[in-house]
Amino acid sequence: MPDFDVMILGAGGVGCVVGGQLCAAGYKVQLVNRSPDTANAIAKNGLRLELNDGLKVTRPDAVTSSDAGSARFVMCFTKTHQTGDAVRSIAGVLTEETILVSMQNGLGNGQLLSEMTARDVLHGVTLLPATVLGPAHIRSIGSHKSWLGPLELQNARQRTACDQLAEMLNNSQLETETPENVLPSIWQKACFNVAMNGASALADASPGLIGDIPELKAEAHALADEALQLAAALDIALEADQVHEMIDFACREHRYHLPSMLQDIRANRQTEIASLNGYVVAEAARLGLAVPKCQLINGLIRARQAAPAFWKGQPK
């Protein structure tokens, strides 16, 4: 039997909320991070979650990867570019029973896990809000929903595992649906992120500020159209109006929200651009589609995240 019901690999804001809620519902949970900060904070004060119904403190097991145990489900919440190192760090505790799960932002994450491990994989997307207030101290206020499905639609083992994990999440106040095909749900959020995240990071702008500048808001909608064009070429059926409505809603209702890509740029960290606009650019090139706006955003973000190291190397 595995040591844990669920391992959270990459226990940042969203991972901590998911792990903490599962723990509070009685499941055995382990949080695994590269840094010991989360483990030390939980040992001292517990995992502190500020939720709609108030403060909740739980105490899941929390370790660095060197002390990871085996788990039935390994839920990956790392950034896409961190996935390889993260999975390799816990490869020794993956068992025949282990199901890997990607709930990461962006496109292609489930396939990446499958190619890396040759194991059964579930993939999905979550709209769970999470703001990190400090180590093991997270605020998650507002409504949310997640969608989960098997990477291989006809794989009975993956479908059964999907239903089991969804039941656990729903038992833990984490509303989760299991559509027959989860890809449209993944792509819908990705199209929104392709539209908003790069522009936000480059302009140091919240959705509200993007909405206040008509020219920039129009560019966000145009970026979404390029991603929607790619989805259509891949036979992924999306409701374009819903994506554009998400953009308008965020500009109107989430005026001061800080998208993760903006937070990364401010902190001089690598971003998720490769699994968003970069993924659109690569797939569009393969199919012979023109996506000039995504190409520009992809190039600008790559340059912006490389800029600090570049200027440090400037000759004296």
C-alpha atoms as a PDB file:
ATOM      1  CA  MET A   1       0.000   0.000   0.000  1.00  0.00           C
ATOM      2  CA  PRO A   2       1.252   3.515  -0.744  1.00  0.00           C
ATOM      3  CA  ASP A   3       2.281   5.665   2.210  1.00  0.00           C
ATOM      4  CA  PHE A   4      -0.108   8.476   1.219  1.00  0.00           C
ATOM      5  CA  ASP A   5      -3.384   8.924  -0.610  1.00  0.00           C
ATOM      6  CA  VAL A   6      -2.083  12.056  -2.344  1.00  0.00           C
ATOM      7  CA  MET A   7       1.296  13.674  -2.863  1.00  0.00           C
ATOM      8  CA  ILE A   8       1.246  17.361  -3.814  1.00  0.00           C
ATOM      9  CA  LEU A   9       4.319  17.939  -5.959  1.00  0.00           C
ATOM     10  CA  GLY A  10       4.983  21.661  -6.022  1.00  0.00           C
ATOM     11  CA  ALA A  11       3.180  22.921  -2.934  1.00  0.00           C
ATOM     12  CA  GLY A  12       2.762  26.558  -3.857  1.00  0.00           C
ATOM     13  CA  GLY A  13      -0.479  28.446  -3.394  1.00  0.00           C
ATOM     14  CA  VAL A  14      -2.907  26.191  -5.268  1.00  0.00           C
ATOM     15  CA  GLY A  15      -1.094  23.006  -4.240  1.00  0.00           C
ATOM     16  CA  CYS A  16      -1.292  23.984  -0.571  1.00  0.00           C
ATOM     17  CA  VAL A  17      -5.016  24.706  -0.782  1.00  0.00           C
ATOM     18  CA  VAL A  18      -5.719  21.373  -2.480  1.00  0.00           C
ATOM     19  CA  GLY A  19      -3.473  19.469  -0.088  1.00  0.00           C
ATOM     20  CA  GLY A  20      -4.816  21.242   2.968  1.00  0.00           C
ATOM     21  CA  GLN A  21      -8.448  20.630   2.050  1.00  0.00           C
ATOM     22  CA  LEU A  22      -7.780  16.948   1.324  1.00  0.00           C
ATOM     23  CA  CYS A  23      -5.993  16.635   4.663  1.00  0.00           C
ATOM     24  CA  ALA A  24      -8.869  18.327   6.498  1.00  0.00           C
ATOM     25  CA  ALA A  25     -11.254  15.788   4.947  1.00  0.00           C
ATOM     26  CA  GLY A  26      -9.254  12.921   6.436  1.00  0.00           C
ATOM     27  CA  TYR A  27      -7.027  11.849   3.552  1.00  0.00           C
ATOM     28  CA  LYS A  28      -3.320  11.141   4.039  1.00  0.00           C
ATOM     29  CA  VAL A  29      -1.476  13.942   2.238  1.00  0.00           C
ATOM     30  CA  GLN A  30       2.169  14.788   1.717  1.00  0.00           C
ATOM     31  CA  LEU A  31       3.352  18.174   0.416  1.00  0.00           C
ATOM     32  CA  VAL A  32       6.667  18.040  -1.455  1.00  0.00           C
ATOM     33  CA  ASN A  33       8.679  21.165  -2.287  1.00  0.00           C
ATOM     34  CA  ARG A  34      12.274  21.877  -3.329  1.00  0.00           C
ATOM     35  CA  SER A  35      12.673  24.292  -0.433  1.00  0.00           C
ATOM     36  CA  PRO A  36      12.156  23.280   3.224  1.00  0.00           C
ATOM     37  CA  ASP A  37      10.346  26.563   3.971  1.00  0.00           C
ATOM     38  CA  THR A  38       6.846  25.053   3.682  1.00  0.00           C
ATOM     39  CA  ALA A  39       7.761  22.032   5.812  1.00  0.00           C
ATOM     40  CA  ASN A  40       9.333  24.214   8.496  1.00  0.00           C
ATOM     41  CA  ALA A  41       6.347  26.575   8.565  1.00  0.00           C
ATOM     42  CA  ILE A  42       3.853  23.695   8.835  1.00  0.00           C
ATOM     43  CA  ALA A  43       5.867  22.121  11.652  1.00  0.00           C
ATOM     44  CA  LYS A  44       5.752  25.427  13.516  1.00  0.00           C
ATOM     45  CA  ASN A  45       2.251  26.785  12.812  1.00  0.00           C
ATOM     46  CA  GLY A  46       0.432  24.242  10.618  1.00  0.00           C
ATOM     47  CA  LEU A  47      -0.794  24.912   7.102  1.00  0.00           C
ATOM     48  CA  ARG A  48      -2.912  28.063   7.437  1.00  0.00           C
ATOM     49  CA  LEU A  49      -5.666  28.532   4.856  1.00  0.00           C
ATOM     50  CA  GLU A  50      -7.824  31.662   4.785  1.00  0.00           C
ATOM     51  CA  LEU A  51     -11.001  30.431   3.063  1.00  0.00           C
ATOM     52  CA  ASN A  52     -14.532  31.668   2.441  1.00  0.00           C
ATOM     53  CA  ASP A  53     -15.658  30.160   5.765  1.00  0.00           C
ATOM     54  CA  GLY A  54     -12.727  31.469   7.780  1.00  0.00           C
ATOM     55  CA  LEU A  55      -9.271  30.304   8.862  1.00  0.00           C
ATOM     56  CA  LYS A  56      -8.536  26.587   8.626  1.00  0.00           C
ATOM     57  CA  VAL A  57      -5.335  25.063  10.032  1.00  0.00           C
ATOM     58  CA  THR A  58      -4.276  21.564   8.992  1.00  0.00           C
ATOM     59  CA  ARG A  59      -1.080  19.551   9.370  1.00  0.00           C
ATOM     60  CA  PRO A  60      -0.331  17.459   6.295  1.00  0.00           C
ATOM     61  CA  ASP A  61       3.050  15.792   6.096  1.00  0.00           C
ATOM     62  CA  ALA A  62       5.462  18.237   4.426  1.00  0.00           C
ATOM     63  CA  VAL A  63       8.975  17.423   3.223  1.00  0.00           C
ATOM     64  CA  THR A  64      11.561  18.075   0.553  1.00  0.00           C
ATOM     65  CA  SER A  65      11.813  15.568  -2.274  1.00  0.00           C
ATOM     66  CA  SER A  66      14.603  13.595  -0.592  1.00  0.00           C
ATOM     67  CA  ASP A  67      12.092  12.481   2.079  1.00  0.00           C
ATOM     68  CA  ALA A  68       9.094  11.872  -0.198  1.00  0.00           C
ATOM     69  CA  GLY A  69       6.995   8.763   0.327  1.00  0.00           C
ATOM     70  CA  SER A  70       4.903   6.720  -2.069  1.00  0.00           C
ATOM     71  CA  ALA A  71       1.398   7.876  -2.973  1.00  0.00           C
ATOM     72  CA  ARG A  72      -1.633   6.639  -4.869  1.00  0.00           C
ATOM     73  CA  PHE A  73      -2.002  10.011  -6.637  1.00  0.00           C
ATOM     74  CA  VAL A  74       0.872  12.403  -7.362  1.00  0.00           C
ATOM     75  CA  MET A  75      -0.699  15.760  -8.192  1.00  0.00           C
ATOM     76  CA  CYS A  76       1.733  18.043 -10.012  1.00  0.00           C
ATOM     77  CA  PHE A  77       1.296  21.786  -9.493  1.00  0.00           C
ATOM     78  CA  THR A  78       4.749  22.945 -10.584  1.00  0.00           C
ATOM     79  CA  LYS A  79       5.375  25.344 -13.442  1.00  0.00           C
ATOM     80  CA  THR A  80       5.785  23.466 -16.726  1.00  0.00           C
ATOM     81  CA  HIS A  81       9.515  24.160 -16.963  1.00  0.00           C
ATOM     82  CA  GLN A  82       9.983  22.687 -13.464  1.00  0.00           C
ATOM     83  CA  THR A  83       8.149  19.443 -14.202  1.00  0.00           C
ATOM     84  CA  GLY A  84      11.132  17.409 -15.342  1.00  0.00           C
ATOM     85  CA  ASP A  85      13.303  18.115 -12.301  1.00  0.00           C
ATOM     86  CA  ALA A  86      10.360  17.718  -9.921  1.00  0.00           C
ATOM     87  CA  VAL A  87       9.276  14.318 -11.243  1.00  0.00           C
ATOM     88  CA  ARG A  88      12.838  13.020 -11.437  1.00  0.00           C
ATOM     89  CA  SER A  89      13.329  14.018  -7.794  1.00  0.00           C
ATOM     90  CA  ILE A  90      10.575  11.624  -6.637  1.00  0.00           C
ATOM     91  CA  ALA A  91      10.994   8.932  -9.317  1.00  0.00           C
ATOM     92  CA  GLY A  92      12.271   6.443  -6.750  1.00  0.00           C
ATOM     93  CA  VAL A  93       8.967   6.370  -4.852  1.00  0.00           C
ATOM     94  CA  LEU A  94       6.647   5.942  -7.845  1.00  0.00           C
ATOM     95  CA  THR A  95       4.946   2.547  -7.632  1.00  0.00           C
ATOM     96  CA  GLU A  96       2.801   0.441  -9.945  1.00  0.00           C
ATOM     97  CA  GLU A  97      -0.237   1.919  -8.196  1.00  0.00           C
ATOM     98  CA  THR A  98       0.810   5.536  -8.695  1.00  0.00           C
ATOM     99  CA  ILE A  99      -1.318   7.738 -10.946  1.00  0.00           C
ATOM    100  CA  LEU A 100       0.258  11.041 -11.998  1.00  0.00           C
ATOM    101  CA  VAL A 101      -2.020  14.071 -12.237  1.00  0.00           C
ATOM    102  CA  SER A 102      -1.372  17.418 -13.938  1.00  0.00           C
ATOM    103  CA  MET A 103      -3.464  20.347 -12.752  1.00  0.00           C
ATOM    104  CA  GLN A 104      -0.919  22.823 -14.119  1.00  0.00           C
ATOM    105  CA  ASN A 105      -1.530  25.937 -16.157  1.00  0.00           C
ATOM    106  CA  GLY A 106      -0.894  25.723 -19.858  1.00  0.00           C
ATOM    107  CA  LEU A 107      -1.031  23.125 -22.604  1.00  0.00           C
ATOM    108  CA  GLY A 108       0.670  19.775 -23.081  1.00  0.00           C
ATOM    109  CA  ASN A 109       1.394  19.084 -19.409  1.00  0.00           C
ATOM    110  CA  GLY A 110      -0.401  15.745 -19.218  1.00  0.00           C
ATOM    111  CA  GLN A 111       1.369  14.468 -22.317  1.00  0.00           C
ATOM    112  CA  LEU A 112       4.696  15.606 -20.863  1.00  0.00           C
ATOM    113  CA  LEU A 113       4.100  13.573 -17.682  1.00  0.00           C
ATOM    114  CA  SER A 114       3.167  10.524 -19.741  1.00  0.00           C
ATOM    115  CA  GLU A 115       6.258  10.779 -21.933  1.00  0.00           C
ATOM    116  CA  MET A 116       8.525  11.247 -18.926  1.00  0.00           C
ATOM    117  CA  THR A 117       7.216   8.361 -16.839  1.00  0.00           C
ATOM    118  CA  ALA A 118       5.369   5.945 -19.187  1.00  0.00           C
ATOM    119  CA  ARG A 119       2.685   5.750 -16.484  1.00  0.00           C
ATOM    120  CA  ASP A 120      -1.045   6.387 -16.288  1.00  0.00           C
ATOM    121  CA  VAL A 121      -1.813  10.111 -16.223  1.00  0.00           C
ATOM    122  CA  LEU A 122      -4.840  12.266 -15.482  1.00  0.00           C
ATOM    123  CA  HIS A 123      -4.941  15.886 -16.555  1.00  0.00           C
ATOM    124  CA  GLY A 124      -7.197  18.806 -15.887  1.00  0.00           C
ATOM    125  CA  VAL A 125      -7.488  22.440 -14.976  1.00  0.00           C
ATOM    126  CA  THR A 126      -8.541  24.412 -11.938  1.00  0.00           C
ATOM    127  CA  LEU A 127      -9.918  27.908 -11.400  1.00  0.00           C
ATOM    128  CA  LEU A 128      -9.020  27.763  -7.720  1.00  0.00           C
ATOM    129  CA  PRO A 129      -7.738  31.186  -6.593  1.00  0.00           C
ATOM    130  CA  ALA A 130      -4.729  31.241  -4.279  1.00  0.00           C
ATOM    131  CA  THR A 131      -2.582  34.044  -2.919  1.00  0.00           C
ATOM    132  CA  VAL A 132       0.560  33.170  -0.962  1.00  0.00           C
ATOM    133  CA  LEU A 133       0.723  35.362   2.135  1.00  0.00           C
ATOM    134  CA  GLY A 134       3.799  33.614   3.553  1.00  0.00           C
ATOM    135  CA  PRO A 135       5.285  30.119   3.868  1.00  0.00           C
ATOM    136  CA  ALA A 136       2.350  27.715   4.406  1.00  0.00           C
ATOM    137  CA  HIS A 137      -0.065  30.676   4.691  1.00  0.00           C
ATOM    138  CA  ILE A 138      -2.477  30.907   1.765  1.00  0.00           C
ATOM    139  CA  ARG A 139      -5.608  32.927   1.042  1.00  0.00           C
ATOM    140  CA  SER A 140      -8.245  31.392  -1.267  1.00  0.00           C
ATOM    141  CA  ILE A 141     -11.432  33.450  -1.412  1.00  0.00           C
ATOM    142  CA  GLY A 142     -14.208  33.151  -3.967  1.00  0.00           C
ATOM    143  CA  SER A 143     -15.954  30.472  -5.966  1.00  0.00           C
ATOM    144  CA  HIS A 144     -13.977  27.915  -7.911  1.00  0.00           C
ATOM    145  CA  LYS A 145     -14.265  24.739  -9.934  1.00  0.00           C
ATOM    146  CA  SER A 146     -11.913  22.146 -11.389  1.00  0.00           C
ATOM    147  CA  TRP A 147     -12.187  19.729 -14.300  1.00  0.00           C
ATOM    148  CA  LEU A 148     -10.386  16.387 -14.478  1.00  0.00           C
ATOM    149  CA  GLY A 149     -10.125  13.564 -17.004  1.00  0.00           C
ATOM    150  CA  PRO A 150      -7.978  10.680 -18.245  1.00  0.00           C
ATOM    151  CA  LEU A 151      -5.199  11.498 -20.674  1.00  0.00           C
ATOM    152  CA  GLU A 152      -6.268   8.477 -22.758  1.00  0.00           C
ATOM    153  CA  LEU A 153     -10.042   8.630 -23.216  1.00  0.00           C
ATOM    154  CA  GLN A 154     -10.477   4.873 -23.701  1.00  0.00           C
ATOM    155  CA  ASN A 155      -8.205   3.837 -20.821  1.00  0.00           C
ATOM    156  CA  ALA A 156     -10.452   2.157 -18.229  1.00  0.00           C
ATOM    157  CA  ARG A 157      -7.838   2.297 -15.455  1.00  0.00           C
ATOM    158  CA  GLN A 158      -7.363   6.019 -15.952  1.00  0.00           C
ATOM    159  CA  ARG A 159     -11.128   6.615 -16.051  1.00  0.00           C
ATOM    160  CA  THR A 160     -11.632   4.704 -12.781  1.00  0.00           C
ATOM    161  CA  ALA A 161      -8.775   6.582 -11.137  1.00  0.00           C
ATOM    162  CA  CYS A 162     -10.252   9.879 -12.364  1.00  0.00           C
ATOM    163  CA  ASP A 163     -13.598   9.105 -10.739  1.00  0.00           C
ATOM    164  CA  GLN A 164     -11.856   8.112  -7.488  1.00  0.00           C
ATOM    165  CA  LEU A 165      -9.774  11.293  -7.290  1.00  0.00           C
ATOM    166  CA  ALA A 166     -12.736  13.502  -8.224  1.00  0.00           C
ATOM    167  CA  GLU A 167     -14.738  11.935  -5.392  1.00  0.00           C
ATOM    168  CA  MET A 168     -11.906  12.704  -2.971  1.00  0.00           C
ATOM    169  CA  LEU A 169     -11.710  16.304  -4.165  1.00  0.00           C
ATOM    170  CA  ASN A 170     -15.463  16.825  -3.960  1.00  0.00           C
ATOM    171  CA  ASN A 171     -15.435  15.333  -0.449  1.00  0.00           C
ATOM    172  CA  SER A 172     -12.849  18.009   0.406  1.00  0.00           C
ATOM    173  CA  GLN A 173     -14.885  21.074  -0.656  1.00  0.00           C
ATOM    174  CA  LEU A 174     -12.993  21.207  -3.970  1.00  0.00           C
ATOM    175  CA  GLU A 175     -15.737  21.130  -6.607  1.00  0.00           C
ATOM    176  CA  THR A 176     -14.564  18.939  -9.482  1.00  0.00           C
ATOM    177  CA  GLU A 177     -16.277  17.766 -12.648  1.00  0.00           C
ATOM    178  CA  THR A 178     -15.222  14.847 -14.854  1.00  0.00           C
ATOM    179  CA  PRO A 179     -16.408  15.520 -18.422  1.00  0.00           C
ATOM    180  CA  GLU A 180     -16.114  12.795 -21.035  1.00  0.00           C
ATOM    181  CA  ASN A 181     -13.296  14.820 -22.628  1.00  0.00           C
ATOM    182  CA  VAL A 182     -11.529  17.360 -20.431  1.00  0.00           C
ATOM    183  CA  LEU A 183      -9.410  18.904 -23.209  1.00  0.00           C
ATOM    184  CA  PRO A 184     -11.892  21.693 -24.045  1.00  0.00           C
ATOM    185  CA  SER A 185     -11.853  22.790 -20.387  1.00  0.00           C
ATOM    186  CA  ILE A 186      -8.049  22.840 -20.354  1.00  0.00           C
ATOM    187  CA  TRP A 187      -7.916  24.772 -23.613  1.00  0.00           C
ATOM    188  CA  GLN A 188     -10.562  27.288 -22.579  1.00  0.00           C
ATOM    189  CA  LYS A 189      -8.516  28.454 -19.612  1.00  0.00           C
ATOM    190  CA  ALA A 190      -5.320  28.313 -21.675  1.00  0.00           C
ATOM    191  CA  CYS A 191      -6.831  30.553 -24.371  1.00  0.00           C
ATOM    192  CA  PHE A 192      -7.711  33.060 -21.664  1.00  0.00           C
ATOM    193  CA  ASN A 193      -4.182  32.903 -20.214  1.00  0.00           C
ATOM    194  CA  VAL A 194      -2.643  33.263 -23.695  1.00  0.00           C
ATOM    195  CA  ALA A 195      -4.708  36.425 -24.080  1.00  0.00           C
ATOM    196  CA  MET A 196      -3.999  38.004 -20.709  1.00  0.00           C
ATOM    197  CA  ASN A 197      -0.874  36.761 -18.962  1.00  0.00           C
ATOM    198  CA  GLY A 198       1.863  37.920 -21.322  1.00  0.00           C
ATOM    199  CA  ALA A 199       0.351  41.350 -21.833  1.00  0.00           C
ATOM    200  CA  SER A 200      -0.111  41.708 -18.089  1.00  0.00           C
ATOM    201  CA  ALA A 201       3.499  40.755 -17.370  1.00  0.00           C
ATOM    202  CA  LEU A 202       4.953  43.054 -20.026  1.00  0.00           C
ATOM    203  CA  ALA A 203       2.831  46.058 -19.057  1.00  0.00           C
ATOM    204  CA  ASP A 204       2.979  45.421 -15.287  1.00  0.00           C
ATOM    205  CA  ALA A 205      -0.795  45.537 -15.552  1.00  0.00           C
ATOM    206  CA  SER A 206      -3.667  43.869 -13.767  1.00  0.00           C
ATOM    207  CA  PRO A 207      -6.734  42.777 -15.763  1.00  0.00           C
ATOM    208  CA  GLY A 208      -8.399  45.994 -14.679  1.00  0.00           C
ATOM    209  CA  LEU A 209      -5.642  48.133 -16.173  1.00  0.00           C
ATOM    210  CA  ILE A 210      -5.729  46.116 -19.410  1.00  0.00           C
ATOM    211  CA  GLY A 211      -9.465  46.749 -19.544  1.00  0.00           C
ATOM    212  CA  ASP A 212      -8.951  50.479 -19.004  1.00  0.00           C
ATOM    213  CA  ILE A 213      -6.810  50.771 -22.157  1.00  0.00           C
ATOM    214  CA  PRO A 214      -8.984  49.952 -25.201  1.00  0.00           C
ATOM    215  CA  GLU A 215      -6.033  49.250 -27.497  1.00  0.00           C
ATOM    216  CA  LEU A 216      -4.538  46.734 -25.052  1.00  0.00           C
ATOM    217  CA  LYS A 217      -7.859  45.054 -24.363  1.00  0.00           C
ATOM    218  CA  ALA A 218      -8.388  44.656 -28.119  1.00  0.00           C
ATOM    219  CA  GLU A 219      -4.970  42.978 -28.383  1.00  0.00           C
ATOM    220  CA  ALA A 220      -5.942  40.541 -25.618  1.00  0.00           C
ATOM    221  CA  HIS A 221      -9.019  39.509 -27.596  1.00  0.00           C
ATOM    222  CA  ALA A 222      -6.891  39.160 -30.746  1.00  0.00           C
ATOM    223  CA  LEU A 223      -4.429  36.903 -28.912  1.00  0.00           C
ATOM    224  CA  ALA A 224      -7.338  34.734 -27.789  1.00  0.00           C
ATOM    225  CA  ASP A 225      -8.510  34.488 -31.403  1.00  0.00           C
ATOM    226  CA  GLU A 226      -5.128  33.064 -32.451  1.00  0.00           C
ATOM    227  CA  ALA A 227      -5.311  30.390 -29.733  1.00  0.00           C
ATOM    228  CA  LEU A 228      -8.916  29.611 -30.676  1.00  0.00           C
ATOM    229  CA  GLN A 229      -7.862  29.256 -34.314  1.00  0.00           C
ATOM    230  CA  LEU A 230      -5.287  26.646 -33.278  1.00  0.00           C
ATOM    231  CA  ALA A 231      -7.817  24.773 -31.144  1.00  0.00           C
ATOM    232  CA  ALA A 232     -10.188  24.585 -34.100  1.00  0.00           C
ATOM    233  CA  ALA A 233      -7.389  23.235 -36.311  1.00  0.00           C
ATOM    234  CA  LEU A 234      -6.766  20.517 -33.694  1.00  0.00           C
ATOM    235  CA  ASP A 235     -10.497  19.633 -33.623  1.00  0.00           C
ATOM    236  CA  ILE A 236     -10.895  20.854 -30.040  1.00  0.00           C
ATOM    237  CA  ALA A 237     -14.378  22.314 -29.840  1.00  0.00           C
ATOM    238  CA  LEU A 238     -14.480  25.537 -27.834  1.00  0.00           C
ATOM    239  CA  GLU A 239     -17.080  28.233 -27.352  1.00  0.00           C
ATOM    240  CA  ALA A 240     -15.211  31.317 -28.555  1.00  0.00           C
ATOM    241  CA  ASP A 241     -17.761  33.651 -26.973  1.00  0.00           C
ATOM    242  CA  GLN A 242     -17.076  32.109 -23.554  1.00  0.00           C
ATOM    243  CA  VAL A 243     -13.351  32.809 -23.851  1.00  0.00           C
ATOM    244  CA  HIS A 244     -13.978  36.430 -24.830  1.00  0.00           C
ATOM    245  CA  GLU A 245     -16.495  36.769 -22.002  1.00  0.00           C
ATOM    246  CA  MET A 246     -13.839  35.515 -19.559  1.00  0.00           C
ATOM    247  CA  ILE A 247     -11.531  38.311 -20.733  1.00  0.00           C
ATOM    248  CA  ASP A 248     -14.219  40.969 -20.285  1.00  0.00           C
ATOM    249  CA  PHE A 249     -15.218  39.539 -16.888  1.00  0.00           C
ATOM    250  CA  ALA A 250     -11.615  39.554 -15.618  1.00  0.00           C
ATOM    251  CA  CYS A 251     -11.083  43.128 -16.786  1.00  0.00           C
ATOM    252  CA  ARG A 252     -14.283  44.195 -15.059  1.00  0.00           C
ATOM    253  CA  GLU A 253     -14.330  42.105 -11.874  1.00  0.00           C
ATOM    254  CA  HIS A 254     -10.667  41.242 -11.145  1.00  0.00           C
ATOM    255  CA  ARG A 255      -9.267  44.749 -11.432  1.00  0.00           C
ATOM    256  CA  TYR A 256      -6.292  44.261  -9.115  1.00  0.00           C
ATOM    257  CA  HIS A 257      -5.586  40.566  -9.572  1.00  0.00           C
ATOM    258  CA  LEU A 258      -1.886  39.801 -10.172  1.00  0.00           C
ATOM    259  CA  PRO A 259      -1.537  37.020 -12.769  1.00  0.00           C
ATOM    260  CA  SER A 260       1.163  34.483 -11.974  1.00  0.00           C
ATOM    261  CA  MET A 261       3.232  35.525 -14.995  1.00  0.00           C
ATOM    262  CA  LEU A 262       3.346  39.114 -13.748  1.00  0.00           C
ATOM    263  CA  GLN A 263       4.389  37.860 -10.305  1.00  0.00           C
ATOM    264  CA  ASP A 264       7.146  35.787 -11.920  1.00  0.00           C
ATOM    265  CA  ILE A 265       8.481  38.692 -13.970  1.00  0.00           C
ATOM    266  CA  ARG A 266       8.481  40.985 -10.941  1.00  0.00           C
ATOM    267  CA  ALA A 267      10.443  38.330  -9.019  1.00  0.00           C
ATOM    268  CA  ASN A 268      12.859  37.646 -11.921  1.00  0.00           C
ATOM    269  CA  ARG A 269      11.648  34.048 -12.201  1.00  0.00           C
ATOM    270  CA  GLN A 270      11.110  31.929 -15.294  1.00  0.00           C
ATOM    271  CA  THR A 271       7.509  32.044 -16.531  1.00  0.00           C
ATOM    272  CA  GLU A 272       5.047  29.576 -18.055  1.00  0.00           C
ATOM    273  CA  ILE A 273       5.232  31.225 -21.472  1.00  0.00           C
ATOM    274  CA  ALA A 274       6.445  28.008 -23.154  1.00  0.00           C
ATOM    275  CA  SER A 275       3.212  26.180 -22.289  1.00  0.00           C
ATOM    276  CA  LEU A 276       0.988  29.125 -23.278  1.00  0.00           C
ATOM    277  CA  ASN A 277       1.892  31.474 -26.151  1.00  0.00           C
ATOM    278  CA  GLY A 278       5.006  29.419 -26.857  1.00  0.00           C
ATOM    279  CA  TYR A 279       2.938  26.254 -27.221  1.00  0.00           C
ATOM    280  CA  VAL A 280       0.575  28.061 -29.596  1.00  0.00           C
ATOM    281  CA  VAL A 281       3.527  29.251 -31.684  1.00  0.00           C
ATOM    282  CA  ALA A 282       5.103  25.779 -31.899  1.00  0.00           C
ATOM    283  CA  GLU A 283       1.874  23.957 -32.773  1.00  0.00           C
ATOM    284  CA  ALA A 284       0.829  26.640 -35.248  1.00  0.00           C
ATOM    285  CA  ALA A 285       4.176  26.321 -37.031  1.00  0.00           C
ATOM    286  CA  ARG A 286       3.679  22.567 -37.263  1.00  0.00           C
ATOM    287  CA  LEU A 287       0.259  23.098 -38.857  1.00  0.00           C
ATOM    288  CA  GLY A 288       1.246  26.037 -41.063  1.00  0.00           C
ATOM    289  CA  LEU A 289      -0.901  28.592 -39.218  1.00  0.00           C
ATOM    290  CA  ALA A 290       0.034  32.249 -38.743  1.00  0.00           C
ATOM    291  CA  VAL A 291      -0.056  33.474 -35.123  1.00  0.00           C
ATOM    292  CA  PRO A 292       1.978  36.710 -35.245  1.00  0.00           C
ATOM    293  CA  LYS A 293       0.607  38.204 -32.033  1.00  0.00           C
ATOM    294  CA  CYS A 294       1.399  35.095 -29.982  1.00  0.00           C
ATOM    295  CA  GLN A 295       4.814  34.983 -31.629  1.00  0.00           C
ATOM    296  CA  LEU A 296       5.507  38.554 -30.539  1.00  0.00           C
ATOM    297  CA  ILE A 297       4.345  38.002 -26.954  1.00  0.00           C
ATOM    298  CA  ASN A 298       6.353  34.774 -26.735  1.00  0.00           C
ATOM    299  CA  GLY A 299       9.510  36.521 -27.933  1.00  0.00           C
ATOM    300  CA  LEU A 300       9.038  39.543 -25.694  1.00  0.00           C
ATOM    301  CA  ILE A 301       8.455  37.479 -22.552  1.00  0.00           C
ATOM    302  CA  ARG A 302      11.453  35.273 -23.305  1.00  0.00           C
ATOM    303  CA  ALA A 303      13.571  38.395 -23.715  1.00  0.00           C
ATOM    304  CA  ARG A 304      12.142  39.992 -20.573  1.00  0.00           C
ATOM    305  CA  GLN A 305      12.893  36.969 -18.385  1.00  0.00           C
ATOM    306  CA  ALA A 306      16.417  36.719 -19.850  1.00  0.00           C
ATOM    307  CA  ALA A 307      17.102  40.445 -19.417  1.00  0.00           C
ATOM    308  CA  PRO A 308      18.468  40.479 -15.827  1.00  0.00           C
ATOM    309  CA  ALA A 309      21.160  37.907 -16.621  1.00  0.00           C
ATOM    310  CA  PHE A 310      21.904  39.578 -19.967  1.00  0.00           C
ATOM    311  CA  TRP A 311      22.569  42.989 -18.434  1.00  0.00           C
ATOM    312  CA  LYS A 312      24.685  41.512 -15.656  1.00  0.00           C
ATOM    313  CA  GLY A 313      26.987  40.206 -18.393  1.00  0.00           C
ATOM    314  CA  GLN A 314      27.467  43.620 -19.946  1.00  0.00           C
ATOM    315  CA  PRO A 315      31.192  44.429 -20.382  1.00  0.00           C
ATOM    316  CA  LYS A 316      32.483  46.987 -17.922  1.00  0.00           C
END
